Amino acid sequence: MRYGVVADIHGNLPAFEAMIDAMPAVDRWLCAGDVVGYNPWPADCLAQIRDLNAATVMGNHDRAVAGDTGFRFNSMASAGVSYAREELGDNALAWLDRLPDRQTVADGEILTVHGHPENPDRYTYPDEFSPAMLAGDARVTITGHTHVQSVREFDAGVVMNPGSVGQPRDDNPKAPSG
C-alpha cells in the first residue's frame, strides 16, 4: 500500500492543493495534525482532509480551535486559532474535537502522532528521533509539530516527519518524495 503523509497544513489551502497535485497516486492518506491555524482557509483545508478520508490525529492548533486553549501560542498563532474558530461551523469543530492524539493503521505497523508518542505537544526534532519512538508493533512512526521534515531509519523501523505543508520552518518548501 502506498501512503500519502502530510502534517501541519495550518489552513494553507494553496500549498495543500499544490502538494496533493504533485503527489503520485496513493492508496491512503495520513495526517499528523494541525490542519488549521495561521492561514485563512481553515474550513477548506479541513474539508479537503476529510474528503481524502485521511487518518488524522489532533495537533495543538486543532485542539485549541476545538476549545482547549492550554497550549501557549505567540500572537500570530493565537490570531490564527481565533480566526479558525470563527470560520468553522459546529460540524467542523466537532470533527476536530473528536480527533485522537494517536492513530495506527496497517495493523498497528504505522503510528501517527503530532508531537511525540509519549506527549502530543512535545517538539521532537530529527536529532531526537530514536527507536524508542517505535511504540508497540509500529515499524513506522510519523510525527509532525516541528515543521521540519526528516526521515531516520533504525534497525527496528523508521521515524519520520513530513515537514509542514502550510508553514515550513526548515528553509525547504518542497515536499519530500519517495
N, C-alpha and C. Protein backbone atom coordinates (compact mmCIF):
# COMPACT_ATOMS: atom_id res chain seq x y z
N MET A 1 0.85 -1.18 0.00
CA MET A 1 0.00 0.00 0.00
C MET A 1 0.89 1.24 0.00
N ARG A 2 0.49 2.23 -0.75
CA ARG A 2 1.26 3.49 -0.84
C ARG A 2 0.51 4.57 -0.05
N TYR A 3 1.23 5.22 0.87
CA TYR A 3 0.63 6.24 1.74
C TYR A 3 1.09 7.63 1.35
N GLY A 4 0.17 8.58 1.44
CA GLY A 4 0.49 9.99 1.33
C GLY A 4 0.50 10.54 2.75
N VAL A 5 1.59 11.18 3.14
CA VAL A 5 1.73 11.65 4.52
C VAL A 5 1.85 13.17 4.51
N VAL A 6 1.07 13.80 5.38
CA VAL A 6 1.03 15.25 5.45
C VAL A 6 0.95 15.67 6.92
N ALA A 7 1.44 16.86 7.21
CA ALA A 7 1.34 17.40 8.57
C ALA A 7 1.36 18.92 8.50
N ASP A 8 0.84 19.53 9.53
CA ASP A 8 0.96 20.97 9.73
C ASP A 8 0.55 21.77 8.50
N ILE A 9 -0.66 21.52 8.04
CA ILE A 9 -1.24 22.22 6.90
C ILE A 9 -1.54 23.67 7.28
N HIS A 10 -1.99 23.86 8.48
CA HIS A 10 -2.24 25.19 9.05
C HIS A 10 -3.08 26.11 8.16
N GLY A 11 -4.13 25.55 7.58
CA GLY A 11 -5.07 26.38 6.83
C GLY A 11 -4.53 26.99 5.55
N ASN A 12 -3.44 26.44 5.03
CA ASN A 12 -2.82 26.97 3.82
C ASN A 12 -3.30 26.16 2.61
N LEU A 13 -4.47 26.51 2.10
CA LEU A 13 -5.07 25.76 1.00
C LEU A 13 -4.23 25.76 -0.27
N PRO A 14 -3.68 26.88 -0.74
CA PRO A 14 -2.88 26.81 -1.98
C PRO A 14 -1.70 25.83 -1.86
N ALA A 15 -1.02 25.83 -0.73
CA ALA A 15 0.11 24.92 -0.54
C ALA A 15 -0.38 23.47 -0.46
N PHE A 16 -1.49 23.26 0.24
CA PHE A 16 -2.04 21.91 0.37
C PHE A 16 -2.47 21.36 -0.99
N GLU A 17 -3.16 22.17 -1.78
CA GLU A 17 -3.59 21.73 -3.11
C GLU A 17 -2.39 21.46 -4.01
N ALA A 18 -1.37 22.29 -3.94
CA ALA A 18 -0.16 22.07 -4.75
C ALA A 18 0.52 20.77 -4.36
N MET A 19 0.56 20.48 -3.06
CA MET A 19 1.18 19.25 -2.59
C MET A 19 0.39 18.03 -3.08
N ILE A 20 -0.93 18.10 -2.98
CA ILE A 20 -1.77 16.99 -3.44
C ILE A 20 -1.57 16.77 -4.94
N ASP A 21 -1.55 17.86 -5.71
CA ASP A 21 -1.37 17.75 -7.16
C ASP A 21 -0.01 17.16 -7.53
N ALA A 22 1.00 17.43 -6.72
CA ALA A 22 2.35 16.96 -7.01
C ALA A 22 2.59 15.51 -6.58
N MET A 23 1.71 14.99 -5.74
CA MET A 23 1.88 13.63 -5.22
C MET A 23 1.52 12.59 -6.27
N PRO A 24 2.25 11.50 -6.30
CA PRO A 24 1.79 10.38 -7.13
C PRO A 24 0.53 9.79 -6.48
N ALA A 25 -0.13 8.91 -7.17
CA ALA A 25 -1.34 8.29 -6.62
C ALA A 25 -1.00 7.54 -5.33
N VAL A 26 -1.86 7.69 -4.34
CA VAL A 26 -1.68 6.99 -3.07
C VAL A 26 -2.95 6.21 -2.76
N ASP A 27 -2.79 5.18 -1.93
CA ASP A 27 -3.93 4.36 -1.52
C ASP A 27 -4.61 4.90 -0.26
N ARG A 28 -3.83 5.57 0.57
CA ARG A 28 -4.36 6.07 1.84
C ARG A 28 -3.57 7.29 2.28
N TRP A 29 -4.27 8.26 2.85
CA TRP A 29 -3.65 9.48 3.37
C TRP A 29 -3.55 9.39 4.89
N LEU A 30 -2.44 9.92 5.41
CA LEU A 30 -2.21 10.02 6.85
C LEU A 30 -1.86 11.47 7.16
N CYS A 31 -2.44 12.01 8.23
CA CYS A 31 -2.19 13.41 8.60
C CYS A 31 -1.76 13.48 10.05
N ALA A 32 -0.59 14.04 10.30
CA ALA A 32 -0.03 14.17 11.64
C ALA A 32 -0.47 15.46 12.34
N GLY A 33 -1.64 15.97 12.00
CA GLY A 33 -2.26 17.05 12.76
C GLY A 33 -1.95 18.46 12.31
N ASP A 34 -2.63 19.36 12.98
CA ASP A 34 -2.61 20.80 12.70
C ASP A 34 -3.10 21.12 11.29
N VAL A 35 -4.32 20.71 11.04
CA VAL A 35 -4.99 21.02 9.78
C VAL A 35 -5.28 22.51 9.73
N VAL A 36 -5.55 23.11 10.88
CA VAL A 36 -5.96 24.53 10.95
C VAL A 36 -4.91 25.36 11.67
N GLY A 37 -5.11 26.69 11.63
CA GLY A 37 -4.21 27.62 12.31
C GLY A 37 -3.40 28.43 11.30
N TYR A 38 -3.02 29.61 11.68
CA TYR A 38 -2.19 30.54 10.91
C TYR A 38 -2.86 31.10 9.65
N ASN A 39 -3.18 30.28 8.68
CA ASN A 39 -3.58 30.75 7.36
C ASN A 39 -5.11 30.84 7.20
N PRO A 40 -5.59 31.55 6.17
CA PRO A 40 -7.01 31.93 6.10
C PRO A 40 -7.99 30.93 5.49
N TRP A 41 -7.59 29.67 5.30
CA TRP A 41 -8.51 28.71 4.68
C TRP A 41 -8.74 27.49 5.57
N PRO A 42 -9.06 27.67 6.86
CA PRO A 42 -9.22 26.50 7.73
C PRO A 42 -10.36 25.59 7.29
N ALA A 43 -11.49 26.15 6.90
CA ALA A 43 -12.64 25.32 6.52
C ALA A 43 -12.33 24.52 5.26
N ASP A 44 -11.68 25.15 4.29
CA ASP A 44 -11.35 24.46 3.04
C ASP A 44 -10.34 23.33 3.27
N CYS A 45 -9.34 23.59 4.11
CA CYS A 45 -8.34 22.55 4.39
C CYS A 45 -8.96 21.40 5.17
N LEU A 46 -9.83 21.73 6.11
CA LEU A 46 -10.49 20.68 6.87
C LEU A 46 -11.39 19.85 5.95
N ALA A 47 -12.13 20.50 5.06
CA ALA A 47 -12.97 19.77 4.12
C ALA A 47 -12.12 18.88 3.21
N GLN A 48 -10.98 19.39 2.77
CA GLN A 48 -10.10 18.62 1.88
C GLN A 48 -9.55 17.39 2.59
N ILE A 49 -9.09 17.54 3.83
CA ILE A 49 -8.52 16.40 4.56
C ILE A 49 -9.60 15.36 4.82
N ARG A 50 -10.83 15.83 5.05
CA ARG A 50 -11.95 14.90 5.23
C ARG A 50 -12.31 14.22 3.92
N ASP A 51 -12.27 14.95 2.81
CA ASP A 51 -12.55 14.35 1.50
C ASP A 51 -11.52 13.27 1.15
N LEU A 52 -10.30 13.47 1.59
CA LEU A 52 -9.24 12.48 1.35
C LEU A 52 -9.38 11.27 2.27
N ASN A 53 -10.30 11.37 3.25
CA ASN A 53 -10.50 10.32 4.24
C ASN A 53 -9.19 9.98 4.94
N ALA A 54 -8.41 11.01 5.25
CA ALA A 54 -7.11 10.83 5.86
C ALA A 54 -7.26 10.38 7.31
N ALA A 55 -6.46 9.42 7.70
CA ALA A 55 -6.36 9.04 9.12
C ALA A 55 -5.61 10.20 9.78
N THR A 56 -6.31 10.99 10.57
CA THR A 56 -5.79 12.26 11.08
C THR A 56 -5.73 12.26 12.60
N VAL A 57 -4.63 12.79 13.15
CA VAL A 57 -4.53 12.97 14.60
C VAL A 57 -4.65 14.46 14.92
N MET A 58 -4.92 14.73 16.18
CA MET A 58 -5.12 16.11 16.63
C MET A 58 -3.79 16.79 16.91
N GLY A 59 -3.60 17.94 16.31
CA GLY A 59 -2.44 18.77 16.61
C GLY A 59 -2.81 19.80 17.66
N ASN A 60 -1.83 20.52 18.16
CA ASN A 60 -2.09 21.51 19.21
C ASN A 60 -2.97 22.65 18.70
N HIS A 61 -2.86 23.05 17.44
CA HIS A 61 -3.73 24.09 16.89
C HIS A 61 -5.15 23.55 16.72
N ASP A 62 -5.26 22.31 16.26
CA ASP A 62 -6.59 21.69 16.14
C ASP A 62 -7.29 21.67 17.49
N ARG A 63 -6.56 21.28 18.53
CA ARG A 63 -7.12 21.21 19.88
C ARG A 63 -7.53 22.59 20.38
N ALA A 64 -6.70 23.58 20.11
CA ALA A 64 -7.02 24.94 20.56
C ALA A 64 -8.27 25.47 19.85
N VAL A 65 -8.38 25.21 18.56
CA VAL A 65 -9.55 25.66 17.82
C VAL A 65 -10.80 24.95 18.31
N ALA A 66 -10.68 23.67 18.62
CA ALA A 66 -11.83 22.89 19.10
C ALA A 66 -12.26 23.32 20.50
N GLY A 67 -11.41 24.08 21.21
CA GLY A 67 -11.85 24.61 22.50
C GLY A 67 -10.84 24.61 23.62
N ASP A 68 -9.79 23.81 23.55
CA ASP A 68 -8.80 23.76 24.62
C ASP A 68 -7.70 24.77 24.31
N THR A 69 -7.51 25.72 25.18
CA THR A 69 -6.50 26.75 24.94
C THR A 69 -5.30 26.60 25.88
N GLY A 70 -5.00 25.38 26.31
CA GLY A 70 -3.91 25.15 27.24
C GLY A 70 -2.53 25.35 26.65
N PHE A 71 -2.37 25.23 25.35
CA PHE A 71 -1.07 25.39 24.71
C PHE A 71 -0.76 26.88 24.60
N ARG A 72 0.48 27.25 24.87
CA ARG A 72 0.87 28.66 24.79
C ARG A 72 1.27 29.02 23.37
N PHE A 73 0.59 30.01 22.82
CA PHE A 73 0.83 30.43 21.44
C PHE A 73 1.38 31.85 21.40
N ASN A 74 2.17 32.15 20.35
CA ASN A 74 2.56 33.53 20.12
C ASN A 74 1.35 34.28 19.55
N SER A 75 1.46 35.57 19.35
CA SER A 75 0.31 36.37 18.94
C SER A 75 -0.20 35.98 17.56
N MET A 76 0.69 35.63 16.63
CA MET A 76 0.26 35.24 15.30
C MET A 76 -0.51 33.92 15.36
N ALA A 77 0.00 32.97 16.11
CA ALA A 77 -0.68 31.68 16.24
C ALA A 77 -2.03 31.85 16.93
N SER A 78 -2.07 32.68 17.96
CA SER A 78 -3.34 32.93 18.66
C SER A 78 -4.37 33.54 17.72
N ALA A 79 -3.94 34.45 16.88
CA ALA A 79 -4.85 35.06 15.91
C ALA A 79 -5.38 34.01 14.94
N GLY A 80 -4.53 33.10 14.50
CA GLY A 80 -4.95 32.03 13.60
C GLY A 80 -5.95 31.09 14.26
N VAL A 81 -5.75 30.81 15.53
CA VAL A 81 -6.70 29.96 16.28
C VAL A 81 -8.05 30.67 16.38
N SER A 82 -8.03 31.93 16.75
CA SER A 82 -9.29 32.69 16.86
C SER A 82 -10.02 32.77 15.53
N TYR A 83 -9.28 33.04 14.47
CA TYR A 83 -9.88 33.13 13.14
C TYR A 83 -10.51 31.80 12.74
N ALA A 84 -9.79 30.71 12.92
CA ALA A 84 -10.31 29.39 12.55
C ALA A 84 -11.56 29.06 13.37
N ARG A 85 -11.55 29.39 14.63
CA ARG A 85 -12.71 29.12 15.48
C ARG A 85 -13.94 29.87 14.96
N GLU A 86 -13.73 31.09 14.49
CA GLU A 86 -14.84 31.89 13.94
C GLU A 86 -15.32 31.35 12.59
N GLU A 87 -14.39 30.83 11.79
CA GLU A 87 -14.71 30.40 10.43
C GLU A 87 -15.36 29.02 10.35
N LEU A 88 -15.05 28.16 11.30
CA LEU A 88 -15.54 26.78 11.23
C LEU A 88 -16.92 26.66 11.85
N GLY A 89 -17.74 25.84 11.25
CA GLY A 89 -19.07 25.57 11.78
C GLY A 89 -19.02 24.51 12.88
N ASP A 90 -20.16 24.27 13.49
CA ASP A 90 -20.25 23.31 14.59
C ASP A 90 -19.80 21.91 14.18
N ASN A 91 -20.17 21.48 12.97
CA ASN A 91 -19.79 20.15 12.50
C ASN A 91 -18.27 20.02 12.39
N ALA A 92 -17.63 21.02 11.83
CA ALA A 92 -16.17 21.00 11.67
C ALA A 92 -15.48 21.05 13.04
N LEU A 93 -15.99 21.87 13.94
CA LEU A 93 -15.40 21.95 15.28
C LEU A 93 -15.55 20.63 16.02
N ALA A 94 -16.70 19.98 15.86
CA ALA A 94 -16.92 18.68 16.50
C ALA A 94 -15.98 17.63 15.91
N TRP A 95 -15.75 17.69 14.58
CA TRP A 95 -14.82 16.76 13.95
C TRP A 95 -13.42 16.94 14.53
N LEU A 96 -12.97 18.19 14.64
CA LEU A 96 -11.65 18.45 15.23
C LEU A 96 -11.57 17.92 16.66
N ASP A 97 -12.62 18.15 17.42
CA ASP A 97 -12.64 17.76 18.83
C ASP A 97 -12.58 16.24 19.00
N ARG A 98 -13.04 15.49 18.02
CA ARG A 98 -13.03 14.02 18.10
C ARG A 98 -11.72 13.39 17.62
N LEU A 99 -10.81 14.18 17.08
CA LEU A 99 -9.57 13.60 16.59
C LEU A 99 -8.78 12.98 17.75
N PRO A 100 -8.19 11.81 17.53
CA PRO A 100 -7.37 11.19 18.58
C PRO A 100 -5.97 11.80 18.63
N ASP A 101 -5.28 11.61 19.74
CA ASP A 101 -3.88 12.05 19.87
C ASP A 101 -2.92 11.14 19.11
N ARG A 102 -3.34 9.90 18.89
CA ARG A 102 -2.51 8.92 18.19
C ARG A 102 -3.42 8.00 17.40
N GLN A 103 -2.89 7.49 16.30
CA GLN A 103 -3.68 6.60 15.47
C GLN A 103 -2.74 5.61 14.78
N THR A 104 -3.19 4.38 14.71
CA THR A 104 -2.41 3.38 13.99
C THR A 104 -3.19 2.89 12.78
N VAL A 105 -2.46 2.52 11.76
CA VAL A 105 -3.02 1.90 10.56
C VAL A 105 -2.12 0.72 10.20
N ALA A 106 -2.51 -0.03 9.19
CA ALA A 106 -1.72 -1.17 8.72
C ALA A 106 -1.49 -2.16 9.85
N ASP A 107 -2.57 -2.52 10.52
CA ASP A 107 -2.50 -3.48 11.63
C ASP A 107 -1.50 -3.07 12.69
N GLY A 108 -1.43 -1.76 12.96
CA GLY A 108 -0.55 -1.24 14.01
C GLY A 108 0.87 -1.01 13.60
N GLU A 109 1.21 -1.28 12.35
CA GLU A 109 2.59 -1.10 11.92
C GLU A 109 2.98 0.36 11.68
N ILE A 110 1.97 1.24 11.49
CA ILE A 110 2.25 2.66 11.30
C ILE A 110 1.53 3.43 12.40
N LEU A 111 2.30 4.17 13.17
CA LEU A 111 1.77 5.02 14.24
C LEU A 111 1.90 6.47 13.82
N THR A 112 0.80 7.22 13.93
CA THR A 112 0.84 8.65 13.63
C THR A 112 0.52 9.41 14.91
N VAL A 113 1.37 10.38 15.23
CA VAL A 113 1.20 11.27 16.38
C VAL A 113 1.50 12.69 15.90
N HIS A 114 1.20 13.68 16.74
CA HIS A 114 1.55 15.04 16.34
C HIS A 114 2.94 15.40 16.84
N GLY A 115 3.19 15.25 18.11
CA GLY A 115 4.48 15.65 18.68
C GLY A 115 5.42 14.49 18.91
N HIS A 116 5.11 13.68 19.92
CA HIS A 116 5.93 12.54 20.32
C HIS A 116 4.98 11.47 20.81
N PRO A 117 5.30 10.19 20.64
CA PRO A 117 4.37 9.15 21.10
C PRO A 117 3.99 9.25 22.58
N GLU A 118 4.85 9.84 23.41
CA GLU A 118 4.56 9.95 24.84
C GLU A 118 3.89 11.27 25.21
N ASN A 119 3.94 12.27 24.30
CA ASN A 119 3.40 13.59 24.62
C ASN A 119 3.08 14.32 23.31
N PRO A 120 1.79 14.50 23.00
CA PRO A 120 1.43 15.10 21.71
C PRO A 120 1.91 16.53 21.52
N ASP A 121 2.26 17.23 22.60
CA ASP A 121 2.73 18.61 22.48
C ASP A 121 4.24 18.76 22.53
N ARG A 122 4.95 17.65 22.64
CA ARG A 122 6.42 17.70 22.72
C ARG A 122 7.01 17.87 21.32
N TYR A 123 7.79 18.92 21.16
CA TYR A 123 8.53 19.10 19.91
C TYR A 123 9.65 18.06 19.88
N THR A 124 9.67 17.25 18.83
CA THR A 124 10.69 16.22 18.70
C THR A 124 11.40 16.44 17.37
N TYR A 125 12.59 17.00 17.46
CA TYR A 125 13.37 17.33 16.28
C TYR A 125 14.12 16.09 15.77
N PRO A 126 14.52 16.11 14.51
CA PRO A 126 15.15 14.92 13.92
C PRO A 126 16.32 14.35 14.71
N ASP A 127 17.13 15.19 15.36
CA ASP A 127 18.25 14.65 16.12
C ASP A 127 17.80 13.92 17.38
N GLU A 128 16.51 14.02 17.71
CA GLU A 128 15.96 13.31 18.87
C GLU A 128 15.22 12.03 18.47
N PHE A 129 15.06 11.79 17.16
CA PHE A 129 14.40 10.58 16.72
C PHE A 129 15.18 9.38 17.24
N SER A 130 14.46 8.36 17.71
CA SER A 130 15.11 7.16 18.24
C SER A 130 14.21 5.95 18.05
N PRO A 131 14.77 4.75 18.15
CA PRO A 131 13.95 3.55 18.06
C PRO A 131 12.87 3.49 19.16
N ALA A 132 13.10 4.18 20.26
CA ALA A 132 12.10 4.19 21.34
C ALA A 132 10.78 4.82 20.89
N MET A 133 10.80 5.59 19.81
CA MET A 133 9.58 6.20 19.29
C MET A 133 8.72 5.21 18.51
N LEU A 134 9.25 4.01 18.28
CA LEU A 134 8.51 2.96 17.59
C LEU A 134 7.76 2.15 18.65
N ALA A 135 6.61 2.66 19.06
CA ALA A 135 5.84 2.07 20.15
C ALA A 135 5.03 0.87 19.67
N GLY A 136 4.88 -0.12 20.54
CA GLY A 136 4.06 -1.28 20.23
C GLY A 136 4.57 -2.03 19.02
N ASP A 137 3.65 -2.31 18.08
CA ASP A 137 4.01 -3.04 16.86
C ASP A 137 4.47 -2.12 15.74
N ALA A 138 4.57 -0.83 16.00
CA ALA A 138 4.89 0.13 14.95
C ALA A 138 6.28 -0.11 14.37
N ARG A 139 6.33 -0.17 13.05
CA ARG A 139 7.60 -0.20 12.33
C ARG A 139 7.88 1.17 11.74
N VAL A 140 6.85 2.03 11.75
CA VAL A 140 6.98 3.40 11.27
C VAL A 140 6.24 4.30 12.25
N THR A 141 6.89 5.36 12.68
CA THR A 141 6.23 6.40 13.47
C THR A 141 6.31 7.70 12.69
N ILE A 142 5.15 8.31 12.50
CA ILE A 142 5.04 9.58 11.79
C ILE A 142 4.72 10.64 12.83
N THR A 143 5.48 11.72 12.80
CA THR A 143 5.28 12.81 13.73
C THR A 143 5.23 14.13 12.96
N GLY A 144 4.74 15.16 13.58
CA GLY A 144 4.69 16.48 12.98
C GLY A 144 5.20 17.50 13.99
N HIS A 145 4.52 18.62 14.09
CA HIS A 145 4.69 19.64 15.13
C HIS A 145 5.90 20.56 14.94
N THR A 146 7.06 20.03 14.53
CA THR A 146 8.24 20.89 14.42
C THR A 146 8.32 21.62 13.08
N HIS A 147 7.57 21.16 12.08
CA HIS A 147 7.59 21.72 10.72
C HIS A 147 8.92 21.46 10.02
N VAL A 148 9.69 20.50 10.51
CA VAL A 148 10.98 20.17 9.93
C VAL A 148 10.92 18.74 9.40
N GLN A 149 11.09 18.59 8.08
CA GLN A 149 11.00 17.25 7.51
C GLN A 149 12.28 16.47 7.71
N SER A 150 12.08 15.18 7.98
CA SER A 150 13.23 14.30 8.19
C SER A 150 12.77 12.85 8.20
N VAL A 151 13.65 11.96 7.83
CA VAL A 151 13.42 10.53 7.92
C VAL A 151 14.67 9.91 8.53
N ARG A 152 14.47 9.10 9.57
CA ARG A 152 15.59 8.37 10.19
C ARG A 152 15.26 6.89 10.20
N GLU A 153 16.17 6.10 9.69
CA GLU A 153 15.98 4.65 9.67
C GLU A 153 16.79 4.01 10.79
N PHE A 154 16.15 3.06 11.47
CA PHE A 154 16.76 2.28 12.54
C PHE A 154 16.54 0.81 12.23
N ASP A 155 17.24 -0.07 12.90
CA ASP A 155 17.02 -1.50 12.68
C ASP A 155 15.56 -1.88 12.94
N ALA A 156 14.93 -1.25 13.92
CA ALA A 156 13.56 -1.57 14.31
C ALA A 156 12.51 -0.93 13.40
N GLY A 157 12.90 0.08 12.61
CA GLY A 157 11.93 0.74 11.75
C GLY A 157 12.33 2.16 11.40
N VAL A 158 11.33 2.99 11.09
CA VAL A 158 11.55 4.33 10.58
C VAL A 158 10.76 5.34 11.41
N VAL A 159 11.38 6.47 11.72
CA VAL A 159 10.70 7.61 12.32
C VAL A 159 10.82 8.74 11.32
N MET A 160 9.68 9.39 11.04
CA MET A 160 9.71 10.44 10.04
C MET A 160 8.81 11.60 10.42
N ASN A 161 9.12 12.75 9.87
CA ASN A 161 8.29 13.94 9.95
C ASN A 161 8.22 14.48 8.52
N PRO A 162 7.00 14.60 7.96
CA PRO A 162 6.90 15.09 6.58
C PRO A 162 7.15 16.58 6.43
N GLY A 163 7.37 17.28 7.54
CA GLY A 163 7.51 18.73 7.49
C GLY A 163 6.15 19.39 7.48
N SER A 164 6.09 20.63 7.13
CA SER A 164 4.85 21.38 7.15
C SER A 164 4.45 21.81 5.75
N VAL A 165 3.22 21.46 5.38
CA VAL A 165 2.68 21.94 4.11
C VAL A 165 2.41 23.44 4.21
N GLY A 166 1.86 23.86 5.34
CA GLY A 166 1.37 25.22 5.46
C GLY A 166 2.34 26.25 5.94
N GLN A 167 3.42 25.83 6.58
CA GLN A 167 4.37 26.79 7.14
C GLN A 167 5.71 26.11 7.42
N PRO A 168 6.45 25.73 6.36
CA PRO A 168 7.72 25.05 6.59
C PRO A 168 8.71 25.93 7.34
N ARG A 169 9.46 25.29 8.22
CA ARG A 169 10.45 26.03 9.02
C ARG A 169 11.85 25.48 8.83
N ASP A 170 12.04 24.75 7.75
CA ASP A 170 13.35 24.16 7.51
C ASP A 170 14.00 24.71 6.24
N ASP A 171 13.51 25.86 5.78
CA ASP A 171 14.03 26.51 4.58
C ASP A 171 13.90 25.62 3.34
N ASN A 172 12.96 24.65 3.38
CA ASN A 172 12.73 23.78 2.24
C ASN A 172 11.24 23.70 1.97
N PRO A 173 10.73 24.48 1.02
CA PRO A 173 9.30 24.47 0.75
C PRO A 173 8.83 23.27 -0.06
N LYS A 174 9.76 22.42 -0.51
CA LYS A 174 9.39 21.27 -1.34
C LYS A 174 8.97 20.09 -0.46
N ALA A 175 7.97 19.36 -0.93
CA ALA A 175 7.54 18.16 -0.24
C ALA A 175 8.55 17.05 -0.49
N PRO A 176 8.80 16.19 0.51
CA PRO A 176 9.71 15.07 0.28
C PRO A 176 9.04 14.09 -0.67
N SER A 177 9.82 13.34 -1.40
CA SER A 177 9.27 12.35 -2.32
C SER A 177 9.82 10.98 -1.95
N GLY A 178 9.19 9.98 -2.52
CA GLY A 178 9.69 8.62 -2.30
C GLY A 178 8.75 7.78 -1.53
